[in-house]
Every structure is written in C-alpha cells, then in structure tokens.
Amino acid sequence: MIENTAISGKLAVAVTTDGAVCFIGEVEGRIDEPCYLIRHEGRQQAWIRRLTREATTEETIEYWKRRALRAEKETDDGR
C-alpha cells in the first residue's frame, strides 16, 4: 500500500485481491480516504488504496519506456 503522504505523481501498481497486477499508472490524488485516483493510458480510475503498492524500480523504468514509445507513435501518426 502506498503511504498517504506525498502521493501525487508517484507510480502505483493496482492489483487484484490475490495480488495479480492490473495496471501501473500515476497517482493523481485521493478520494474518500480508501481510494486513489490513478491515470493509466489516458484514463483516470479510482482504485482502493489497500489494493495498490508503489512500483518497483524495474516497473518504473518499463512504465516510462512504454509511455515514451506510445508518445512517439502518436507523434509519428500525427505527421
């Protein structure tokens, strides 16, 4: 679970109750104490706080690589 202090901008891993990874995204805020707002692939989702954890270093690197590739592809498609 991600700690409540300074959560905005952190990468969160949203998981199921059995620990399977659903998605990784950027925390944008908190609503009604048990939920975080997480942006993933352009969509904002509310996710239960106890079903989140901070991304590992490897997950963080992979997230930013995928995000950069997606942005590059969108730029190429827009030419």
N, C-alpha and C. Protein backbone atom coordinates (compact mmCIF):
# COMPACT_ATOMS: atom_id res chain seq x y z
N MET A 1 0.85 -1.17 0.00
CA MET A 1 0.00 0.00 0.00
C MET A 1 0.90 1.24 0.00
N ILE A 2 0.51 2.24 -0.76
CA ILE A 2 1.25 3.49 -0.81
C ILE A 2 0.89 4.32 0.40
N GLU A 3 1.90 4.93 1.00
CA GLU A 3 1.65 5.79 2.16
C GLU A 3 0.87 7.03 1.73
N ASN A 4 0.14 7.63 2.64
CA ASN A 4 -0.72 8.77 2.35
C ASN A 4 0.03 10.06 2.06
N THR A 5 1.26 10.19 2.50
CA THR A 5 1.96 11.46 2.33
C THR A 5 2.61 11.54 0.95
N ALA A 6 2.50 12.69 0.34
CA ALA A 6 3.14 12.97 -0.95
C ALA A 6 2.90 11.89 -1.99
N ILE A 7 1.63 11.59 -2.26
CA ILE A 7 1.31 10.52 -3.19
C ILE A 7 1.22 10.97 -4.63
N SER A 8 0.86 12.23 -4.87
CA SER A 8 0.68 12.71 -6.24
C SER A 8 1.98 12.58 -7.03
N GLY A 9 1.85 12.03 -8.22
CA GLY A 9 3.00 11.87 -9.09
C GLY A 9 3.73 10.55 -8.95
N LYS A 10 3.46 9.82 -7.87
CA LYS A 10 4.10 8.52 -7.71
C LYS A 10 3.46 7.51 -8.66
N LEU A 11 4.22 6.52 -9.01
CA LEU A 11 3.66 5.43 -9.81
C LEU A 11 3.08 4.40 -8.85
N ALA A 12 1.87 3.98 -9.16
CA ALA A 12 1.19 2.98 -8.35
C ALA A 12 0.92 1.74 -9.19
N VAL A 13 1.02 0.61 -8.56
CA VAL A 13 0.65 -0.65 -9.19
C VAL A 13 -0.69 -1.04 -8.59
N ALA A 14 -1.70 -1.14 -9.43
CA ALA A 14 -3.03 -1.57 -8.98
C ALA A 14 -3.09 -3.08 -9.10
N VAL A 15 -3.48 -3.74 -8.03
CA VAL A 15 -3.51 -5.20 -8.01
C VAL A 15 -4.90 -5.71 -7.63
N THR A 16 -5.13 -6.98 -7.92
CA THR A 16 -6.37 -7.63 -7.51
C THR A 16 -6.21 -8.14 -6.08
N THR A 17 -7.26 -8.68 -5.50
CA THR A 17 -7.19 -9.17 -4.13
C THR A 17 -6.22 -10.33 -3.97
N ASP A 18 -5.93 -11.05 -5.06
CA ASP A 18 -4.95 -12.14 -4.96
C ASP A 18 -3.55 -11.70 -5.41
N GLY A 19 -3.35 -10.40 -5.64
CA GLY A 19 -2.03 -9.86 -5.92
C GLY A 19 -1.64 -9.75 -7.37
N ALA A 20 -2.52 -10.13 -8.29
CA ALA A 20 -2.20 -10.03 -9.72
C ALA A 20 -2.19 -8.55 -10.14
N VAL A 21 -1.22 -8.17 -10.95
CA VAL A 21 -1.10 -6.79 -11.41
C VAL A 21 -2.16 -6.49 -12.46
N CYS A 22 -2.90 -5.41 -12.24
CA CYS A 22 -3.90 -4.96 -13.20
C CYS A 22 -3.31 -3.91 -14.14
N PHE A 23 -2.68 -2.88 -13.56
CA PHE A 23 -2.06 -1.84 -14.35
C PHE A 23 -1.14 -1.01 -13.47
N ILE A 24 -0.29 -0.24 -14.13
CA ILE A 24 0.59 0.71 -13.45
C ILE A 24 0.22 2.10 -13.98
N GLY A 25 0.12 3.06 -13.08
CA GLY A 25 -0.22 4.41 -13.51
C GLY A 25 0.26 5.45 -12.51
N GLU A 26 0.07 6.71 -12.85
CA GLU A 26 0.48 7.81 -11.99
C GLU A 26 -0.65 8.19 -11.05
N VAL A 27 -0.33 8.31 -9.78
CA VAL A 27 -1.31 8.73 -8.78
C VAL A 27 -1.57 10.22 -8.96
N GLU A 28 -2.84 10.58 -9.11
CA GLU A 28 -3.22 11.99 -9.28
C GLU A 28 -3.88 12.56 -8.05
N GLY A 29 -4.27 11.73 -7.13
CA GLY A 29 -4.91 12.24 -5.92
C GLY A 29 -5.58 11.14 -5.14
N ARG A 30 -6.36 11.57 -4.17
CA ARG A 30 -7.03 10.63 -3.28
C ARG A 30 -8.46 11.10 -3.13
N ILE A 31 -9.40 10.17 -3.15
CA ILE A 31 -10.80 10.50 -2.90
C ILE A 31 -11.31 9.58 -1.82
N ASP A 32 -12.21 10.09 -1.03
CA ASP A 32 -12.81 9.27 0.02
C ASP A 32 -11.80 8.27 0.58
N GLU A 33 -11.00 8.73 1.49
CA GLU A 33 -9.86 8.04 2.09
C GLU A 33 -9.47 6.67 1.52
N PRO A 34 -10.38 5.75 1.25
CA PRO A 34 -9.86 4.45 0.82
C PRO A 34 -9.44 4.36 -0.65
N CYS A 35 -9.60 5.42 -1.43
CA CYS A 35 -9.32 5.31 -2.88
C CYS A 35 -8.28 6.32 -3.36
N TYR A 36 -7.50 5.88 -4.35
CA TYR A 36 -6.59 6.77 -5.07
C TYR A 36 -7.13 6.96 -6.47
N LEU A 37 -6.86 8.13 -7.04
CA LEU A 37 -7.12 8.37 -8.46
C LEU A 37 -5.83 8.10 -9.20
N ILE A 38 -5.87 7.18 -10.15
CA ILE A 38 -4.68 6.77 -10.87
C ILE A 38 -4.93 6.93 -12.37
N ARG A 39 -4.00 7.59 -13.07
CA ARG A 39 -4.12 7.76 -14.52
C ARG A 39 -3.32 6.67 -15.19
N HIS A 40 -4.01 5.94 -16.06
CA HIS A 40 -3.40 4.83 -16.80
C HIS A 40 -3.85 4.90 -18.24
N GLU A 41 -2.89 5.01 -19.16
CA GLU A 41 -3.19 5.08 -20.59
C GLU A 41 -4.26 6.13 -20.92
N GLY A 42 -4.12 7.30 -20.30
CA GLY A 42 -5.01 8.41 -20.60
C GLY A 42 -6.34 8.41 -19.87
N ARG A 43 -6.62 7.36 -19.11
CA ARG A 43 -7.88 7.31 -18.36
C ARG A 43 -7.61 7.40 -16.87
N GLN A 44 -8.47 8.10 -16.17
CA GLN A 44 -8.35 8.19 -14.72
C GLN A 44 -9.27 7.16 -14.09
N GLN A 45 -8.72 6.40 -13.15
CA GLN A 45 -9.50 5.36 -12.48
C GLN A 45 -9.36 5.52 -10.97
N ALA A 46 -10.41 5.20 -10.25
CA ALA A 46 -10.33 5.16 -8.80
C ALA A 46 -10.01 3.72 -8.41
N TRP A 47 -9.05 3.56 -7.48
CA TRP A 47 -8.64 2.23 -7.08
C TRP A 47 -8.53 2.19 -5.57
N ILE A 48 -8.98 1.14 -4.95
CA ILE A 48 -8.95 1.00 -3.50
C ILE A 48 -7.50 1.02 -3.01
N ARG A 49 -7.24 1.86 -2.04
CA ARG A 49 -5.89 2.09 -1.54
C ARG A 49 -5.19 0.80 -1.12
N ARG A 50 -5.88 -0.07 -0.43
CA ARG A 50 -5.22 -1.30 0.05
C ARG A 50 -4.85 -2.24 -1.08
N LEU A 51 -5.35 -1.97 -2.29
CA LEU A 51 -5.01 -2.79 -3.45
C LEU A 51 -4.03 -2.06 -4.37
N THR A 52 -3.16 -1.24 -3.76
CA THR A 52 -2.11 -0.56 -4.51
C THR A 52 -0.79 -0.77 -3.79
N ARG A 53 0.26 -0.63 -4.56
CA ARG A 53 1.61 -0.62 -3.99
C ARG A 53 2.46 0.28 -4.87
N GLU A 54 3.58 0.74 -4.33
CA GLU A 54 4.49 1.55 -5.14
C GLU A 54 5.15 0.65 -6.17
N ALA A 55 5.41 1.23 -7.33
CA ALA A 55 6.08 0.49 -8.40
C ALA A 55 7.54 0.26 -8.02
N THR A 56 8.05 -0.91 -8.41
CA THR A 56 9.47 -1.20 -8.21
C THR A 56 10.28 -0.38 -9.21
N THR A 57 11.58 -0.36 -9.05
CA THR A 57 12.45 0.34 -9.99
C THR A 57 12.26 -0.21 -11.39
N GLU A 58 12.21 -1.52 -11.52
CA GLU A 58 12.04 -2.15 -12.84
C GLU A 58 10.70 -1.79 -13.46
N GLU A 59 9.65 -1.79 -12.67
CA GLU A 59 8.32 -1.42 -13.17
C GLU A 59 8.29 0.05 -13.59
N THR A 60 8.97 0.89 -12.84
CA THR A 60 9.03 2.32 -13.17
C THR A 60 9.73 2.53 -14.50
N ILE A 61 10.86 1.89 -14.69
CA ILE A 61 11.60 2.02 -15.95
C ILE A 61 10.75 1.53 -17.12
N GLU A 62 10.11 0.39 -16.95
CA GLU A 62 9.27 -0.17 -18.02
C GLU A 62 8.09 0.75 -18.33
N TYR A 63 7.46 1.32 -17.29
CA TYR A 63 6.33 2.23 -17.47
C TYR A 63 6.74 3.42 -18.33
N TRP A 64 7.86 4.08 -17.96
CA TRP A 64 8.28 5.27 -18.68
C TRP A 64 8.74 4.94 -20.10
N LYS A 65 9.34 3.77 -20.30
CA LYS A 65 9.72 3.36 -21.66
C LYS A 65 8.47 3.19 -22.53
N ARG A 66 7.47 2.50 -22.00
CA ARG A 66 6.22 2.29 -22.76
C ARG A 66 5.53 3.62 -23.03
N ARG A 67 5.53 4.50 -22.05
CA ARG A 67 4.87 5.79 -22.23
C ARG A 67 5.59 6.62 -23.31
N ALA A 68 6.92 6.59 -23.32
CA ALA A 68 7.68 7.31 -24.33
C ALA A 68 7.43 6.73 -25.73
N LEU A 69 7.40 5.41 -25.83
CA LEU A 69 7.12 4.76 -27.12
C LEU A 69 5.73 5.11 -27.63
N ARG A 70 4.76 5.12 -26.72
CA ARG A 70 3.38 5.47 -27.09
C ARG A 70 3.31 6.92 -27.58
N ALA A 71 4.00 7.82 -26.88
CA ALA A 71 4.00 9.24 -27.29
C ALA A 71 4.69 9.40 -28.64
N GLU A 72 5.77 8.67 -28.86
CA GLU A 72 6.48 8.73 -30.14
C GLU A 72 5.59 8.23 -31.27
N LYS A 73 4.88 7.16 -31.02
CA LYS A 73 3.98 6.60 -32.04
C LYS A 73 2.86 7.59 -32.37
N GLU A 74 2.29 8.23 -31.34
CA GLU A 74 1.24 9.21 -31.56
C GLU A 74 1.76 10.39 -32.37
N THR A 75 3.00 10.80 -32.11
CA THR A 75 3.61 11.91 -32.85
C THR A 75 3.81 11.50 -34.31
N ASP A 76 4.32 10.28 -34.52
CA ASP A 76 4.53 9.78 -35.89
C ASP A 76 3.23 9.66 -36.65
N ASP A 77 2.17 9.22 -35.98
CA ASP A 77 0.87 9.07 -36.62
C ASP A 77 0.26 10.42 -36.98
N GLY A 78 0.66 11.46 -36.26
CA GLY A 78 0.10 12.79 -36.49
C GLY A 78 0.76 13.57 -37.60
N ARG A 79 1.82 13.04 -38.18
CA ARG A 79 2.53 13.76 -39.26
C ARG A 79 1.81 13.72 -40.56
